[in-house]
């Protein structure tokens, strides 16, 4: 992975984490927290989209996939914290 790919990866992670934080609790988690949540959300979203046979390509598709995965991740974390 070159430096451009790494920067795009970090921007997508940060944007997806911020969007998920805004959707789920009304705010972000800071830059590093947003990147981590966006990264894990991308993995979860990719798994869910593959499971449902949904294809989302390109930059916008990557952001949508990571955001949906991050929202699901934050929802599950919220359920675990309440239990």
PDB file of N, CA and C in Angstrom:
ATOM      1  N   UNK A   1       0.851  -1.173   0.000  1.00  0.00           N
ATOM      2  CA  UNK A   1       0.000   0.000   0.000  1.00  0.00           C
ATOM      3  C   UNK A   1       0.897   1.235   0.000  1.00  0.00           C
ATOM      4  N   UNK A   2       0.650   2.119  -0.926  1.00  0.00           N
ATOM      5  CA  UNK A   2       1.441   3.342  -0.985  1.00  0.00           C
ATOM      6  C   UNK A   2       0.849   4.401  -0.051  1.00  0.00           C
ATOM      7  N   UNK A   3       1.481   5.549   0.014  1.00  0.00           N
ATOM      8  CA  UNK A   3       1.064   6.594   0.951  1.00  0.00           C
ATOM      9  C   UNK A   3      -0.314   7.149   0.588  1.00  0.00           C
ATOM     10  N   UNK A   4      -0.641   7.212  -0.701  1.00  0.00           N
ATOM     11  CA  UNK A   4      -1.954   7.704  -1.116  1.00  0.00           C
ATOM     12  C   UNK A   4      -3.053   6.753  -0.656  1.00  0.00           C
ATOM     13  N   UNK A   5      -2.836   5.459  -0.835  1.00  0.00           N
ATOM     14  CA  UNK A   5      -3.810   4.466  -0.384  1.00  0.00           C
ATOM     15  C   UNK A   5      -4.012   4.518   1.119  1.00  0.00           C
ATOM     16  N   UNK A   6      -2.920   4.709   1.846  1.00  0.00           N
ATOM     17  CA  UNK A   6      -3.006   4.808   3.295  1.00  0.00           C
ATOM     18  C   UNK A   6      -3.798   6.042   3.722  1.00  0.00           C
ATOM     19  N   UNK A   7      -3.551   7.162   3.074  1.00  0.00           N
ATOM     20  CA  UNK A   7      -4.298   8.386   3.402  1.00  0.00           C
ATOM     21  C   UNK A   7      -5.783   8.236   3.099  1.00  0.00           C
ATOM     22  N   UNK A   8      -6.116   7.635   1.966  1.00  0.00           N
ATOM     23  CA  UNK A   8      -7.526   7.404   1.625  1.00  0.00           C
ATOM     24  C   UNK A   8      -8.169   6.487   2.645  1.00  0.00           C
ATOM     25  N   UNK A   9      -7.459   5.441   3.039  1.00  0.00           N
ATOM     26  CA  UNK A   9      -7.934   4.504   4.052  1.00  0.00           C
ATOM     27  C   UNK A   9      -8.232   5.224   5.368  1.00  0.00           C
ATOM     28  N   UNK A  10      -7.317   6.097   5.793  1.00  0.00           N
ATOM     29  CA  UNK A  10      -7.506   6.829   7.044  1.00  0.00           C
ATOM     30  C   UNK A  10      -8.663   7.823   6.953  1.00  0.00           C
ATOM     31  N   UNK A  11      -8.803   8.486   5.819  1.00  0.00           N
ATOM     32  CA  UNK A  11      -9.898   9.451   5.646  1.00  0.00           C
ATOM     33  C   UNK A  11     -11.241   8.739   5.640  1.00  0.00           C
ATOM     34  N   UNK A  12     -11.326   7.611   4.948  1.00  0.00           N
ATOM     35  CA  UNK A  12     -12.581   6.843   4.937  1.00  0.00           C
ATOM     36  C   UNK A  12     -12.915   6.369   6.346  1.00  0.00           C
ATOM     37  N   UNK A  13     -11.929   5.867   7.071  1.00  0.00           N
ATOM     38  CA  UNK A  13     -12.160   5.416   8.446  1.00  0.00           C
ATOM     39  C   UNK A  13     -12.617   6.543   9.345  1.00  0.00           C
ATOM     40  N   UNK A  14     -11.955   7.693   9.239  1.00  0.00           N
ATOM     41  CA  UNK A  14     -12.326   8.839  10.079  1.00  0.00           C
ATOM     42  C   UNK A  14     -13.728   9.326   9.749  1.00  0.00           C
ATOM     43  N   UNK A  15     -14.043   9.422   8.463  1.00  0.00           N
ATOM     44  CA  UNK A  15     -15.371   9.897   8.053  1.00  0.00           C
ATOM     45  C   UNK A  15     -16.465   8.917   8.473  1.00  0.00           C
ATOM     46  N   UNK A  16     -16.234   7.630   8.263  1.00  0.00           N
ATOM     47  CA  UNK A  16     -17.225   6.623   8.644  1.00  0.00           C
ATOM     48  C   UNK A  16     -17.419   6.586  10.158  1.00  0.00           C
ATOM     49  N   UNK A  17     -16.353   6.674  10.919  1.00  0.00           N
ATOM     50  CA  UNK A  17     -16.466   6.692  12.382  1.00  0.00           C
ATOM     51  C   UNK A  17     -17.208   7.920  12.871  1.00  0.00           C
ATOM     52  N   UNK A  18     -16.919   9.079  12.271  1.00  0.00           N
ATOM     53  CA  UNK A  18     -17.620  10.305  12.653  1.00  0.00           C
ATOM     54  C   UNK A  18     -19.104  10.226  12.311  1.00  0.00           C
ATOM     55  N   UNK A  19     -19.422   9.740  11.115  1.00  0.00           N
ATOM     56  CA  UNK A  19     -20.826   9.605  10.718  1.00  0.00           C
ATOM     57  C   UNK A  19     -21.571   8.641  11.644  1.00  0.00           C
ATOM     58  N   UNK A  20     -20.962   7.514  11.949  1.00  0.00           N
ATOM     59  CA  UNK A  20     -21.602   6.539  12.839  1.00  0.00           C
ATOM     60  C   UNK A  20     -21.790   7.119  14.230  1.00  0.00           C
ATOM     61  N   UNK A  21     -20.792   7.834  14.730  1.00  0.00           N
ATOM     62  CA  UNK A  21     -20.921   8.460  16.042  1.00  0.00           C
ATOM     63  C   UNK A  21     -22.020   9.499  16.064  1.00  0.00           C
ATOM     64  N   UNK A  22     -22.140  10.256  14.985  1.00  0.00           N
ATOM     65  CA  UNK A  22     -23.204  11.260  14.884  1.00  0.00           C
ATOM     66  C   UNK A  22     -24.571  10.594  14.822  1.00  0.00           C
ATOM     67  N   UNK A  23     -24.679   9.520  14.082  1.00  0.00           N
ATOM     68  CA  UNK A  23     -25.960   8.822  13.952  1.00  0.00           C
ATOM     69  C   UNK A  23     -26.360   8.161  15.267  1.00  0.00           C
ATOM     70  N   UNK A  24     -25.422   7.538  15.949  1.00  0.00           N
ATOM     71  CA  UNK A  24     -25.751   6.728  17.116  1.00  0.00           C
ATOM     72  C   UNK A  24     -25.799   7.498  18.435  1.00  0.00           C
ATOM     73  N   UNK A  25     -24.940   8.460  18.646  1.00  0.00           N
ATOM     74  CA  UNK A  25     -24.941   9.106  19.953  1.00  0.00           C
ATOM     75  C   UNK A  25     -24.865  10.623  19.900  1.00  0.00           C
ATOM     76  N   UNK A  26     -24.828  11.179  18.713  1.00  0.00           N
ATOM     77  CA  UNK A  26     -24.855  12.619  18.598  1.00  0.00           C
ATOM     78  C   UNK A  26     -23.507  13.305  18.537  1.00  0.00           C
ATOM     79  N   UNK A  27     -22.417  12.582  18.391  1.00  0.00           N
ATOM     80  CA  UNK A  27     -21.094  13.201  18.302  1.00  0.00           C
ATOM     81  C   UNK A  27     -20.049  12.207  17.881  1.00  0.00           C
ATOM     82  N   UNK A  28     -18.849  12.692  17.614  1.00  0.00           N
ATOM     83  CA  UNK A  28     -17.760  11.823  17.209  1.00  0.00           C
ATOM     84  C   UNK A  28     -16.980  11.313  18.407  1.00  0.00           C
ATOM     85  N   UNK A  29     -15.894  10.623  18.125  1.00  0.00           N
ATOM     86  CA  UNK A  29     -15.064  10.015  19.170  1.00  0.00           C
ATOM     87  C   UNK A  29     -13.639  10.533  19.136  1.00  0.00           C
ATOM     88  N   UNK A  30     -13.411  11.650  18.502  1.00  0.00           N
ATOM     89  CA  UNK A  30     -12.054  12.135  18.301  1.00  0.00           C
ATOM     90  C   UNK A  30     -11.467  11.489  17.067  1.00  0.00           C
ATOM     91  N   UNK A  31     -10.401  12.047  16.546  1.00  0.00           N
ATOM     92  CA  UNK A  31      -9.840  11.568  15.284  1.00  0.00           C
ATOM     93  C   UNK A  31      -9.409  10.109  15.350  1.00  0.00           C
ATOM     94  N   UNK A  32      -8.640   9.739  16.347  1.00  0.00           N
ATOM     95  CA  UNK A  32      -8.165   8.362  16.450  1.00  0.00           C
ATOM     96  C   UNK A  32      -9.315   7.387  16.699  1.00  0.00           C
ATOM     97  N   UNK A  33     -10.247   7.771  17.560  1.00  0.00           N
ATOM     98  CA  UNK A  33     -11.413   6.921  17.817  1.00  0.00           C
ATOM     99  C   UNK A  33     -12.259   6.733  16.577  1.00  0.00           C
ATOM    100  N   UNK A  34     -12.457   7.794  15.804  1.00  0.00           N
ATOM    101  CA  UNK A  34     -13.226   7.693  14.567  1.00  0.00           C
ATOM    102  C   UNK A  34     -12.547   6.772  13.561  1.00  0.00           C
ATOM    103  N   UNK A  35     -11.225   6.869  13.458  1.00  0.00           N
ATOM    104  CA  UNK A  35     -10.494   6.008  12.522  1.00  0.00           C
ATOM    105  C   UNK A  35     -10.626   4.547  12.932  1.00  0.00           C
ATOM    106  N   UNK A  36     -10.484   4.263  14.225  1.00  0.00           N
ATOM    107  CA  UNK A  36     -10.589   2.879  14.703  1.00  0.00           C
ATOM    108  C   UNK A  36     -11.996   2.337  14.491  1.00  0.00           C
ATOM    109  N   UNK A  37     -13.000   3.130  14.852  1.00  0.00           N
ATOM    110  CA  UNK A  37     -14.387   2.690  14.671  1.00  0.00           C
ATOM    111  C   UNK A  37     -14.707   2.523  13.189  1.00  0.00           C
ATOM    112  N   UNK A  38     -14.208   3.433  12.359  1.00  0.00           N
ATOM    113  CA  UNK A  38     -14.416   3.324  10.916  1.00  0.00           C
ATOM    114  C   UNK A  38     -13.741   2.096  10.327  1.00  0.00           C
ATOM    115  N   UNK A  39     -12.537   1.773  10.805  1.00  0.00           N
ATOM    116  CA  UNK A  39     -11.833   0.584  10.322  1.00  0.00           C
ATOM    117  C   UNK A  39     -12.580  -0.687  10.690  1.00  0.00           C
ATOM    118  N   UNK A  40     -12.927  -0.815  11.958  1.00  0.00           N
ATOM    119  CA  UNK A  40     -13.662  -2.005  12.401  1.00  0.00           C
ATOM    120  C   UNK A  40     -15.043  -2.047  11.732  1.00  0.00           C
ATOM    121  N   UNK A  41     -15.651  -0.885  11.586  1.00  0.00           N
ATOM    122  CA  UNK A  41     -16.938  -0.808  10.887  1.00  0.00           C
ATOM    123  C   UNK A  41     -16.829  -1.244   9.440  1.00  0.00           C
ATOM    124  N   UNK A  42     -15.706  -0.934   8.804  1.00  0.00           N
ATOM    125  CA  UNK A  42     -15.498  -1.389   7.432  1.00  0.00           C
ATOM    126  C   UNK A  42     -15.436  -2.903   7.333  1.00  0.00           C
ATOM    127  N   UNK A  43     -14.799  -3.519   8.311  1.00  0.00           N
ATOM    128  CA  UNK A  43     -14.734  -4.987   8.337  1.00  0.00           C
ATOM    129  C   UNK A  43     -16.125  -5.570   8.574  1.00  0.00           C
ATOM    130  N   UNK A  44     -16.841  -5.028   9.562  1.00  0.00           N
ATOM    131  CA  UNK A  44     -18.196  -5.517   9.878  1.00  0.00           C
ATOM    132  C   UNK A  44     -19.130  -5.263   8.698  1.00  0.00           C
ATOM    133  N   UNK A  45     -19.070  -4.058   8.131  1.00  0.00           N
ATOM    134  CA  UNK A  45     -19.918  -3.720   6.993  1.00  0.00           C
ATOM    135  C   UNK A  45     -19.625  -4.586   5.782  1.00  0.00           C
ATOM    136  N   UNK A  46     -18.346  -4.839   5.522  1.00  0.00           N
ATOM    137  CA  UNK A  46     -17.984  -5.717   4.415  1.00  0.00           C
ATOM    138  C   UNK A  46     -18.529  -7.121   4.609  1.00  0.00           C
ATOM    139  N   UNK A  47     -18.455  -7.625   5.830  1.00  0.00           N
ATOM    140  CA  UNK A  47     -19.012  -8.948   6.128  1.00  0.00           C
ATOM    141  C   UNK A  47     -20.527  -8.966   5.931  1.00  0.00           C
ATOM    142  N   UNK A  48     -21.212  -7.946   6.468  1.00  0.00           N
ATOM    143  CA  UNK A  48     -22.671  -7.895   6.344  1.00  0.00           C
ATOM    144  C   UNK A  48     -23.120  -7.729   4.901  1.00  0.00           C
ATOM    145  N   UNK A  49     -22.458  -6.849   4.156  1.00  0.00           N
ATOM    146  CA  UNK A  49     -22.833  -6.642   2.755  1.00  0.00           C
ATOM    147  C   UNK A  49     -22.579  -7.902   1.941  1.00  0.00           C
ATOM    148  N   UNK A  50     -21.487  -8.616   2.226  1.00  0.00           N
ATOM    149  CA  UNK A  50     -21.208  -9.867   1.539  1.00  0.00           C
ATOM    150  C   UNK A  50     -22.251 -10.923   1.887  1.00  0.00           C
ATOM    151  N   UNK A  51     -22.643 -10.957   3.154  1.00  0.00           N
ATOM    152  CA  UNK A  51     -23.651 -11.914   3.606  1.00  0.00           C
ATOM    153  C   UNK A  51     -24.996 -11.665   2.927  1.00  0.00           C
ATOM    154  N   UNK A  52     -25.338 -10.401   2.720  1.00  0.00           N
ATOM    155  CA  UNK A  52     -26.602 -10.030   2.092  1.00  0.00           C
ATOM    156  C   UNK A  52     -26.498  -9.885   0.577  1.00  0.00           C
ATOM    157  N   UNK A  53     -25.329 -10.173   0.020  1.00  0.00           N
ATOM    158  CA  UNK A  53     -25.063 -10.082  -1.422  1.00  0.00           C
ATOM    159  C   UNK A  53     -25.314  -8.675  -1.947  1.00  0.00           C
ATOM    160  N   UNK A  54     -24.840  -7.678  -1.201  1.00  0.00           N
ATOM    161  CA  UNK A  54     -24.940  -6.283  -1.622  1.00  0.00           C
ATOM    162  C   UNK A  54     -23.548  -5.833  -2.027  1.00  0.00           C
ATOM    163  N   UNK A  55     -23.451  -5.209  -3.195  1.00  0.00           N
ATOM    164  CA  UNK A  55     -22.163  -4.723  -3.671  1.00  0.00           C
ATOM    165  C   UNK A  55     -22.167  -3.202  -3.655  1.00  0.00           C
ATOM    166  N   UNK A  56     -21.154  -2.611  -3.049  1.00  0.00           N
ATOM    167  CA  UNK A  56     -21.003  -1.156  -3.024  1.00  0.00           C
ATOM    168  C   UNK A  56     -19.571  -0.845  -3.406  1.00  0.00           C
ATOM    169  N   UNK A  57     -19.379  -0.306  -4.601  1.00  0.00           N
ATOM    170  CA  UNK A  57     -18.030  -0.057  -5.095  1.00  0.00           C
ATOM    171  C   UNK A  57     -17.686   1.417  -5.085  1.00  0.00           C
ATOM    172  N   UNK A  58     -16.429   1.697  -5.232  1.00  0.00           N
ATOM    173  CA  UNK A  58     -15.952   3.068  -5.301  1.00  0.00           C
ATOM    174  C   UNK A  58     -15.779   3.702  -3.936  1.00  0.00           C
ATOM    175  N   UNK A  59     -15.443   4.960  -3.956  1.00  0.00           N
ATOM    176  CA  UNK A  59     -15.191   5.705  -2.722  1.00  0.00           C
ATOM    177  C   UNK A  59     -16.453   5.852  -1.883  1.00  0.00           C
ATOM    178  N   UNK A  60     -17.543   6.237  -2.521  1.00  0.00           N
ATOM    179  CA  UNK A  60     -18.818   6.411  -1.805  1.00  0.00           C
ATOM    180  C   UNK A  60     -19.293   5.079  -1.246  1.00  0.00           C
ATOM    181  N   UNK A  61     -19.151   4.011  -2.017  1.00  0.00           N
ATOM    182  CA  UNK A  61     -19.534   2.682  -1.547  1.00  0.00           C
ATOM    183  C   UNK A  61     -18.728   2.243  -0.344  1.00  0.00           C
ATOM    184  N   UNK A  62     -17.441   2.576  -0.344  1.00  0.00           N
ATOM    185  CA  UNK A  62     -16.591   2.240   0.802  1.00  0.00           C
ATOM    186  C   UNK A  62     -17.022   3.007   2.044  1.00  0.00           C
ATOM    187  N   UNK A  63     -17.360   4.278   1.872  1.00  0.00           N
ATOM    188  CA  UNK A  63     -17.810   5.090   3.008  1.00  0.00           C
ATOM    189  C   UNK A  63     -19.129   4.562   3.540  1.00  0.00           C
ATOM    190  N   UNK A  64     -20.055   4.221   2.643  1.00  0.00           N
ATOM    191  CA  UNK A  64     -21.361   3.694   3.064  1.00  0.00           C
ATOM    192  C   UNK A  64     -21.185   2.362   3.787  1.00  0.00           C
ATOM    193  N   UNK A  65     -20.379   1.478   3.225  1.00  0.00           N
ATOM    194  CA  UNK A  65     -20.138   0.170   3.847  1.00  0.00           C
ATOM    195  C   UNK A  65     -19.534   0.320   5.239  1.00  0.00           C
ATOM    196  N   UNK A  66     -18.520   1.155   5.358  1.00  0.00           N
ATOM    197  CA  UNK A  66     -17.872   1.352   6.652  1.00  0.00           C
ATOM    198  C   UNK A  66     -18.805   2.025   7.651  1.00  0.00           C
ATOM    199  N   UNK A  67     -19.624   2.963   7.187  1.00  0.00           N
ATOM    200  CA  UNK A  67     -20.555   3.649   8.090  1.00  0.00           C
ATOM    201  C   UNK A  67     -21.630   2.695   8.594  1.00  0.00           C
ATOM    202  N   UNK A  68     -22.195   1.907   7.699  1.00  0.00           N
ATOM    203  CA  UNK A  68     -23.224   0.939   8.119  1.00  0.00           C
ATOM    204  C   UNK A  68     -22.624  -0.060   9.113  1.00  0.00           C
ATOM    205  N   UNK A  69     -21.436  -0.548   8.830  1.00  0.00           N
ATOM    206  CA  UNK A  69     -20.781  -1.469   9.758  1.00  0.00           C
ATOM    207  C   UNK A  69     -20.479  -0.827  11.099  1.00  0.00           C
ATOM    208  N   UNK A  70     -20.059   0.435  11.085  1.00  0.00           N
ATOM    209  CA  UNK A  70     -19.752   1.133  12.332  1.00  0.00           C
ATOM    210  C   UNK A  70     -21.014   1.383  13.148  1.00  0.00           C
ATOM    211  N   UNK A  71     -22.130   1.693  12.478  1.00  0.00           N
ATOM    212  CA  UNK A  71     -23.403   1.877  13.189  1.00  0.00           C
ATOM    213  C   UNK A  71     -23.820   0.573  13.856  1.00  0.00           C
ATOM    214  N   UNK A  72     -23.709  -0.526  13.122  1.00  0.00           N
ATOM    215  CA  UNK A  72     -24.044  -1.838  13.700  1.00  0.00           C
ATOM    216  C   UNK A  72     -23.113  -2.145  14.876  1.00  0.00           C
ATOM    217  N   UNK A  73     -21.841  -1.858  14.708  1.00  0.00           N
ATOM    218  CA  UNK A  73     -20.872  -2.082  15.783  1.00  0.00           C
ATOM    219  C   UNK A  73     -21.217  -1.272  17.027  1.00  0.00           C
ATOM    220  N   UNK A  74     -21.510   0.008  16.860  1.00  0.00           N
ATOM    221  CA  UNK A  74     -21.857   0.853  18.002  1.00  0.00           C
ATOM    222  C   UNK A  74     -23.161   0.410  18.658  1.00  0.00           C
ATOM    223  N   UNK A  75     -24.105  -0.056  17.858  1.00  0.00           N
ATOM    224  CA  UNK A  75     -25.363  -0.566  18.411  1.00  0.00           C
ATOM    225  C   UNK A  75     -25.099  -1.800  19.275  1.00  0.00           C
ATOM    226  N   UNK A  76     -24.282  -2.715  18.762  1.00  0.00           N
ATOM    227  CA  UNK A  76     -23.969  -3.933  19.528  1.00  0.00           C
ATOM    228  C   UNK A  76     -23.186  -3.608  20.798  1.00  0.00           C
ATOM    229  N   UNK A  77     -22.260  -2.671  20.714  1.00  0.00           N
ATOM    230  CA  UNK A  77     -21.510  -2.251  21.908  1.00  0.00           C
ATOM    231  C   UNK A  77     -22.453  -1.635  22.933  1.00  0.00           C
ATOM    232  N   UNK A  78     -23.424  -0.849  22.473  1.00  0.00           N
ATOM    233  CA  UNK A  78     -24.411  -0.268  23.378  1.00  0.00           C
ATOM    234  C   UNK A  78     -25.249  -1.320  24.075  1.00  0.00           C
ATOM    235  N   UNK A  79     -25.597  -2.377  23.345  1.00  0.00           N
ATOM    236  CA  UNK A  79     -26.363  -3.473  23.953  1.00  0.00           C
ATOM    237  C   UNK A  79     -25.537  -4.192  25.019  1.00  0.00           C
ATOM    238  N   UNK A  80     -24.271  -4.411  24.743  1.00  0.00           N
ATOM    239  CA  UNK A  80     -23.404  -5.105  25.686  1.00  0.00           C
ATOM    240  C   UNK A  80     -23.175  -4.254  26.935  1.00  0.00           C
ATOM    241  N   UNK A  81     -23.005  -2.953  26.747  1.00  0.00           N
ATOM    242  CA  UNK A  81     -22.769  -2.070  27.898  1.00  0.00           C
ATOM    243  C   UNK A  81     -23.990  -1.978  28.810  1.00  0.00           C
ATOM    244  N   UNK A  82     -25.205  -2.103  28.253  1.00  0.00           N
ATOM    245  CA  UNK A  82     -26.428  -2.062  29.074  1.00  0.00           C
ATOM    246  C   UNK A  82     -26.626  -3.344  29.841  1.00  0.00           C
ATOM    247  N   UNK A  83     -26.092  -4.436  29.344  1.00  0.00           N
ATOM    248  CA  UNK A  83     -26.309  -5.742  29.995  1.00  0.00           C
ATOM    249  C   UNK A  83     -25.430  -5.934  31.189  1.00  0.00           C
TER     250      UNK A  83
END
